[in-house]
Amino acid sequence: MGIKVKDFDDILKKDYNKNACKEVFVEDIKDKLYTYYEEGYPMGETSHIKGLDENFRWRKGFLYCFSGYPQSGKSEILNYLSILRAFHYKDKVMMYSPETNTAELVLNLCQAFLGKNVNPNYADKCSEEDMKKALDFIGNHFAFLENTDEMPTINSLVDKFEEYSEKGFNNFIIDPLNWVVESNAGESNMYQYLKLTLTILKQFAKKTDSIMTYVEHPKTPSPTRLKGVSSIPKATAFSLAGGTMHFNKCDCMVVMHRIADDEVEERVKGRDLVEGLLLNQEKHIKFVEFETVKMKSQRLNGTLGSCFIQYDLKTGRYK
């Protein structure tokens, strides 16, 4: 049965008047303000990936957007970051990843958790004891949403997130965002779709003090020619399908860039390059550029900029 979609006009009928604003006065939060005065406003939380702290930290209540061309590592980095959040911060993570088979996704998470191969088609498969340990960890910290015969609306998806927020889940991922009904609104309604969708996601993150992350693909790029050589322009904050609304609404935006093998020595410098090349005789290490193009409250959560990190195909981990 094909996936059903609803008219975009129906999506806009929801009455938000019940969510009226409430007044807050200094007196209401004075104790909290004095605590921040004495102890400082909390810094964003480290990702536990070496080198990212300068440009990227996690903060509950934030809406995060990850983008990049296909094969740039968007889903892989989120898998590993989620494992690190679950391990170091005891996060409970709900993932809506309709483009990936759930069993495959769980196996990828197991690989990243163990840092070992879990596939018998490749060498050095982990032990059964290791596999049980990984499945227990994933089972205790992760839950997954699958489509039935209908693509969910953003409201129905967030309703499910709210249900699981009440069960202790505090980290939610949509990968990718174009698998909700509103993404079928068409070009004429794209502005309204994004305005509504991203506002709902941001409100949910703030209300539940959760981390809300979504993936959005860039538009198909048009090749450029320079001195007779054709090339694809680098993805930017404004390459995303739907234009600037993503940049306007999210608290943090990361664009991942894949670095081709023949570009590594030219672009990646220092000890990490030497170490990576020495270990990469089997071509299992890939270099990517992790670029933070927007970050709210940079002095607390990381400044704009990029760093180069390694992805190990054998372990599913970044460093």
Protein backbone atom coordinates (compact mmCIF):
# COMPACT_ATOMS: atom_id res chain seq x y z
CA MET A 1 0.00 0.00 0.00
CA GLY A 2 1.36 3.42 -0.90
CA ILE A 3 2.10 6.08 1.69
CA LYS A 4 -0.86 8.39 2.25
CA VAL A 5 -0.47 12.13 2.64
CA LYS A 6 -2.90 14.73 3.88
CA ASP A 7 -3.69 18.13 2.44
CA PHE A 8 -1.36 20.81 3.74
CA ASP A 9 -4.32 23.03 4.62
CA ASP A 10 -5.45 20.42 7.16
CA ILE A 11 -2.11 20.65 8.92
CA LEU A 12 -2.58 24.37 9.56
CA LYS A 13 -5.97 23.97 11.23
CA LYS A 14 -4.57 23.04 14.65
CA ASP A 15 -5.55 25.61 17.28
CA TYR A 16 -2.54 26.90 19.17
CA ASN A 17 -4.49 29.44 21.27
CA LYS A 18 -4.38 27.05 24.22
CA ASN A 19 -0.58 27.53 24.21
CA ALA A 20 -0.82 31.20 25.14
CA CYS A 21 2.27 32.90 26.59
CA LYS A 22 2.67 33.31 30.33
CA GLU A 23 4.21 36.24 32.16
CA VAL A 24 7.61 35.88 33.84
CA PHE A 25 9.09 38.57 36.11
CA VAL A 26 12.57 38.93 37.54
CA GLU A 27 11.21 38.15 41.00
CA ASP A 28 9.99 34.79 39.72
CA ILE A 29 13.51 33.67 38.76
CA LYS A 30 15.65 35.74 41.13
CA ASP A 31 17.02 32.72 43.02
CA LYS A 32 18.08 31.12 39.76
CA LEU A 33 19.70 34.33 38.58
CA TYR A 34 21.75 34.63 41.77
CA THR A 35 22.87 31.03 41.36
CA TYR A 36 24.10 31.85 37.84
CA TYR A 37 25.76 34.98 39.20
CA GLU A 38 27.66 32.94 41.78
CA GLU A 39 28.40 29.82 39.73
CA GLY A 40 28.14 31.01 36.12
CA TYR A 41 25.63 30.08 33.45
CA PRO A 42 26.13 26.41 32.51
CA MET A 43 28.41 25.74 29.55
CA GLY A 44 27.25 23.48 26.75
CA GLU A 45 28.09 19.81 27.22
CA THR A 46 31.04 18.24 25.44
CA SER A 47 30.34 15.78 22.62
CA HIS A 48 33.28 13.62 23.79
CA ILE A 49 34.75 13.69 20.29
CA LYS A 50 38.22 15.15 20.41
CA GLY A 51 38.48 18.51 18.71
CA LEU A 52 34.78 19.39 18.47
CA ASP A 53 34.43 21.37 21.71
CA GLU A 54 35.71 24.62 20.24
CA ASN A 55 32.96 24.64 17.60
CA PHE A 56 30.24 22.36 18.95
CA ARG A 57 28.64 21.55 22.29
CA TRP A 58 25.30 20.07 23.23
CA ARG A 59 22.65 22.07 25.08
CA LYS A 60 19.29 20.74 26.20
CA GLY A 61 16.39 22.74 24.82
CA PHE A 62 18.20 23.36 21.53
CA LEU A 63 17.09 22.49 18.01
CA TYR A 64 19.99 21.07 15.97
CA CYS A 65 20.14 20.72 12.19
CA PHE A 66 22.67 18.50 10.40
CA SER A 67 23.13 18.72 6.65
CA GLY A 68 25.55 17.76 3.90
CA TYR A 69 25.63 16.07 0.53
CA PRO A 70 24.94 12.30 0.30
CA GLN A 71 27.75 10.15 1.73
CA SER A 72 29.09 13.03 3.82
CA GLY A 73 28.48 11.20 7.10
CA LYS A 74 25.37 12.90 8.50
CA SER A 75 23.69 9.77 9.81
CA GLU A 76 26.94 8.13 10.92
CA ILE A 77 28.01 11.10 13.02
CA LEU A 78 24.57 11.27 14.65
CA ASN A 79 24.69 7.55 15.43
CA TYR A 80 28.02 7.94 17.20
CA LEU A 81 27.11 11.18 18.94
CA SER A 82 23.95 9.49 20.23
CA ILE A 83 25.95 6.55 21.57
CA LEU A 84 28.27 8.99 23.36
CA ARG A 85 25.30 10.91 24.81
CA ALA A 86 23.73 7.68 26.06
CA PHE A 87 27.00 6.45 27.56
CA HIS A 88 28.28 9.64 29.18
CA TYR A 89 25.02 11.44 30.02
CA LYS A 90 22.62 8.49 30.30
CA ASP A 91 20.40 9.99 27.57
CA LYS A 92 17.46 8.00 26.32
CA VAL A 93 17.25 8.46 22.57
CA MET A 94 14.28 8.11 20.21
CA MET A 95 15.15 7.87 16.52
CA TYR A 96 12.83 8.30 13.54
CA SER A 97 14.99 7.13 10.62
CA PRO A 98 12.57 5.91 7.94
CA GLU A 99 15.24 5.63 5.23
CA THR A 100 17.14 2.99 7.21
CA ASN A 101 15.98 -0.51 8.14
CA THR A 102 15.65 -0.59 11.93
CA ALA A 103 17.66 -3.80 12.29
CA GLU A 104 20.48 -2.30 10.24
CA LEU A 105 20.35 0.88 12.33
CA VAL A 106 20.58 -1.12 15.57
CA LEU A 107 23.56 -3.06 14.21
CA ASN A 108 25.27 0.22 13.26
CA LEU A 109 24.71 1.51 16.79
CA CYS A 110 26.10 -1.74 18.22
CA GLN A 111 29.21 -1.35 16.08
CA ALA A 112 29.73 2.23 17.26
CA PHE A 113 29.14 1.26 20.90
CA LEU A 114 31.64 -1.59 20.81
CA GLY A 115 34.08 -0.09 18.33
CA LYS A 116 34.12 -3.55 16.77
CA ASN A 117 32.76 -5.27 13.67
CA VAL A 118 29.38 -7.01 14.16
CA ASN A 119 29.06 -8.38 10.61
CA PRO A 120 30.33 -11.93 9.84
CA ASN A 121 30.98 -10.90 6.22
CA TYR A 122 34.00 -8.94 7.44
CA ALA A 123 37.02 -9.90 9.51
CA ASP A 124 37.31 -9.73 13.31
CA LYS A 125 33.65 -10.08 14.21
CA CYS A 126 32.95 -9.29 17.86
CA SER A 127 32.25 -12.07 20.36
CA GLU A 128 28.72 -13.16 21.26
CA GLU A 129 29.31 -11.76 24.76
CA ASP A 130 30.20 -8.38 23.26
CA MET A 131 27.11 -8.49 21.06
CA LYS A 132 24.86 -9.20 24.05
CA LYS A 133 26.43 -6.29 25.93
CA ALA A 134 25.81 -3.97 22.97
CA LEU A 135 22.20 -5.07 22.48
CA ASP A 136 21.50 -4.62 26.20
CA PHE A 137 22.92 -1.09 26.06
CA ILE A 138 20.98 -0.13 22.92
CA GLY A 139 17.82 -1.70 24.31
CA ASN A 140 18.12 0.30 27.53
CA HIS A 141 18.87 3.66 25.91
CA PHE A 142 17.23 3.72 22.46
CA ALA A 143 13.78 3.39 20.90
CA PHE A 144 12.87 3.56 17.21
CA LEU A 145 9.87 4.74 15.22
CA GLU A 146 8.80 3.15 11.94
CA ASN A 147 6.15 4.22 9.42
CA THR A 148 3.03 2.16 8.91
CA ASP A 149 1.13 2.83 5.68
CA GLU A 150 1.03 6.58 6.32
CA MET A 151 3.75 9.15 6.53
CA PRO A 152 3.37 10.97 9.89
CA THR A 153 2.51 14.62 10.26
CA ILE A 154 4.88 16.69 12.34
CA ASN A 155 2.17 16.97 15.00
CA SER A 156 1.66 13.21 15.25
CA LEU A 157 5.42 12.70 15.41
CA VAL A 158 5.85 15.25 18.19
CA ASP A 159 2.87 13.75 20.01
CA LYS A 160 4.82 10.47 20.08
CA PHE A 161 7.95 12.31 21.23
CA GLU A 162 5.95 13.92 24.06
CA GLU A 163 4.62 10.52 25.10
CA TYR A 164 8.16 9.18 25.38
CA SER A 165 9.46 12.34 27.01
CA GLU A 166 7.15 11.50 29.89
CA LYS A 167 8.85 8.07 30.02
CA GLY A 168 12.29 9.63 30.46
CA PHE A 169 13.44 10.07 26.86
CA ASN A 170 15.30 13.35 26.33
CA ASN A 171 17.04 13.08 22.95
CA PHE A 172 15.05 12.93 19.71
CA ILE A 173 16.27 12.53 16.12
CA ILE A 174 14.45 12.88 12.78
CA ASP A 175 16.62 11.60 9.94
CA PRO A 176 15.61 13.04 7.53
CA LEU A 177 12.96 15.75 7.97
CA ASN A 178 11.54 15.27 4.48
CA TRP A 179 9.80 12.09 5.69
CA VAL A 180 6.92 13.96 7.31
CA VAL A 181 3.66 14.83 5.58
CA GLU A 182 4.28 18.56 5.50
CA SER A 183 7.37 18.10 3.32
CA ASN A 184 4.95 17.28 0.46
CA ALA A 185 3.46 20.76 0.65
CA GLY A 186 5.03 21.83 -2.64
CA GLU A 187 7.15 24.84 -3.44
CA SER A 188 4.32 27.33 -2.95
CA ASN A 189 3.76 26.15 0.64
CA MET A 190 7.40 25.42 1.54
CA TYR A 191 7.83 28.58 3.60
CA GLN A 192 4.73 27.85 5.69
CA TYR A 193 5.67 24.17 6.07
CA LEU A 194 9.11 24.97 7.44
CA LYS A 195 7.92 27.83 9.60
CA LEU A 196 5.31 25.60 11.21
CA THR A 197 7.42 22.45 11.45
CA LEU A 198 10.58 24.00 12.85
CA THR A 199 8.62 26.12 15.32
CA ILE A 200 6.87 23.00 16.63
CA LEU A 201 10.20 21.15 16.99
CA LYS A 202 11.84 24.10 18.73
CA GLN A 203 8.93 24.52 21.14
CA PHE A 204 9.03 20.82 21.96
CA ALA A 205 12.77 20.90 22.71
CA LYS A 206 12.44 23.93 24.95
CA LYS A 207 9.32 22.73 26.78
CA THR A 208 10.74 19.28 27.56
CA ASP A 209 14.38 20.39 28.03
CA SER A 210 15.34 17.85 25.37
CA ILE A 211 17.84 17.72 22.56
CA MET A 212 15.96 17.79 19.23
CA THR A 213 17.97 17.03 16.09
CA TYR A 214 16.91 16.73 12.48
CA VAL A 215 18.69 16.03 9.20
CA GLU A 216 17.89 18.06 6.08
CA HIS A 217 19.37 17.38 2.67
CA PRO A 218 20.85 20.18 0.57
CA LYS A 219 19.33 21.01 -2.78
CA THR A 220 20.87 19.26 -5.78
CA PRO A 221 23.88 21.42 -6.65
CA SER A 222 24.67 22.75 -10.12
CA PRO A 223 28.26 22.01 -11.18
CA THR A 224 30.53 25.00 -11.76
CA ARG A 225 33.44 25.23 -14.16
CA LEU A 226 36.74 26.92 -13.43
CA LYS A 227 39.52 26.88 -16.01
CA GLY A 228 37.75 24.08 -17.82
CA VAL A 229 37.39 21.89 -14.72
CA SER A 230 33.90 20.98 -13.48
CA SER A 231 33.29 20.81 -9.73
CA ILE A 232 30.44 20.72 -7.21
CA PRO A 233 30.21 23.81 -4.99
CA LYS A 234 30.61 23.25 -1.27
CA ALA A 235 27.35 22.87 0.68
CA THR A 236 26.56 25.86 2.90
CA ALA A 237 23.97 26.91 5.47
CA PHE A 238 21.85 28.21 2.60
CA SER A 239 22.07 25.10 0.39
CA LEU A 240 19.32 23.32 2.27
CA ALA A 241 16.01 22.53 0.64
CA GLY A 242 13.66 25.25 1.84
CA GLY A 243 16.25 28.02 1.95
CA THR A 244 17.03 30.28 4.87
CA MET A 245 14.19 29.19 7.16
CA HIS A 246 16.35 26.38 8.55
CA PHE A 247 19.10 28.85 9.40
CA ASN A 248 16.60 31.25 10.96
CA LYS A 249 14.86 28.70 13.16
CA CYS A 250 17.47 26.23 14.43
CA ASP A 251 19.81 26.95 17.34
CA CYS A 252 22.74 25.11 15.80
CA MET A 253 23.47 24.03 12.25
CA VAL A 254 26.24 21.65 11.21
CA VAL A 255 27.21 20.95 7.61
CA MET A 256 29.25 17.79 6.99
CA HIS A 257 31.70 17.67 4.10
CA ARG A 258 33.24 14.50 2.74
CA ILE A 259 36.92 14.82 1.84
CA ALA A 260 37.97 12.73 -1.14
CA ASP A 261 41.02 10.51 -0.67
CA ASP A 262 43.04 12.54 -3.18
CA GLU A 263 42.28 15.76 -1.25
CA VAL A 264 43.28 14.58 2.22
CA GLU A 265 46.97 15.52 2.18
CA GLU A 266 46.15 18.95 0.75
CA ARG A 267 43.40 19.83 3.26
CA VAL A 268 44.18 17.97 6.50
CA LYS A 269 47.35 19.00 8.29
CA GLY A 270 49.33 17.97 11.35
CA ARG A 271 49.59 14.89 13.52
CA ASP A 272 46.07 13.63 12.80
CA LEU A 273 46.88 13.44 9.09
CA VAL A 274 50.07 11.44 9.66
CA GLU A 275 48.36 9.10 12.13
CA GLY A 276 45.39 8.58 9.83
CA LEU A 277 47.48 7.86 6.74
CA LEU A 278 49.67 5.38 8.62
CA LEU A 279 46.61 3.46 9.84
CA ASN A 280 44.77 3.67 6.52
CA GLN A 281 46.51 1.02 4.49
CA GLU A 282 43.16 -0.76 4.05
CA LYS A 283 41.38 2.50 3.14
CA HIS A 284 38.99 2.13 6.08
CA ILE A 285 39.58 5.61 7.50
CA LYS A 286 37.77 8.52 5.92
CA PHE A 287 38.34 12.18 6.71
CA VAL A 288 35.38 14.54 6.96
CA GLU A 289 35.02 18.21 7.74
CA PHE A 290 32.63 19.04 10.57
CA GLU A 291 31.56 22.66 10.03
CA THR A 292 29.44 24.60 12.52
CA VAL A 293 27.74 27.33 10.49
CA LYS A 294 25.33 28.52 13.19
CA MET A 295 25.50 28.35 16.97
CA LYS A 296 23.33 30.26 19.41
CA SER A 297 25.20 31.72 22.42
CA GLN A 298 28.63 30.97 20.99
CA ARG A 299 30.57 31.83 24.14
CA LEU A 300 28.74 29.01 25.91
CA ASN A 301 28.23 26.44 23.16
CA GLY A 302 31.09 26.81 20.66
CA THR A 303 32.13 29.29 18.00
CA LEU A 304 31.59 29.09 14.25
CA GLY A 305 34.25 27.18 12.38
CA SER A 306 35.25 23.71 11.28
CA CYS A 307 37.56 20.87 12.17
CA PHE A 308 38.66 17.69 10.45
CA ILE A 309 37.78 14.36 12.04
CA GLN A 310 38.36 10.75 11.07
CA TYR A 311 35.66 8.15 10.51
CA ASP A 312 36.69 4.52 10.87
CA LEU A 313 34.55 2.20 8.75
CA LYS A 314 35.62 -0.75 10.88
CA THR A 315 34.50 0.67 14.20
CA GLY A 316 31.75 3.12 13.20
CA ARG A 317 33.49 5.73 15.34
CA TYR A 318 34.80 9.24 14.82
CA LYS A 319 37.81 10.85 16.40
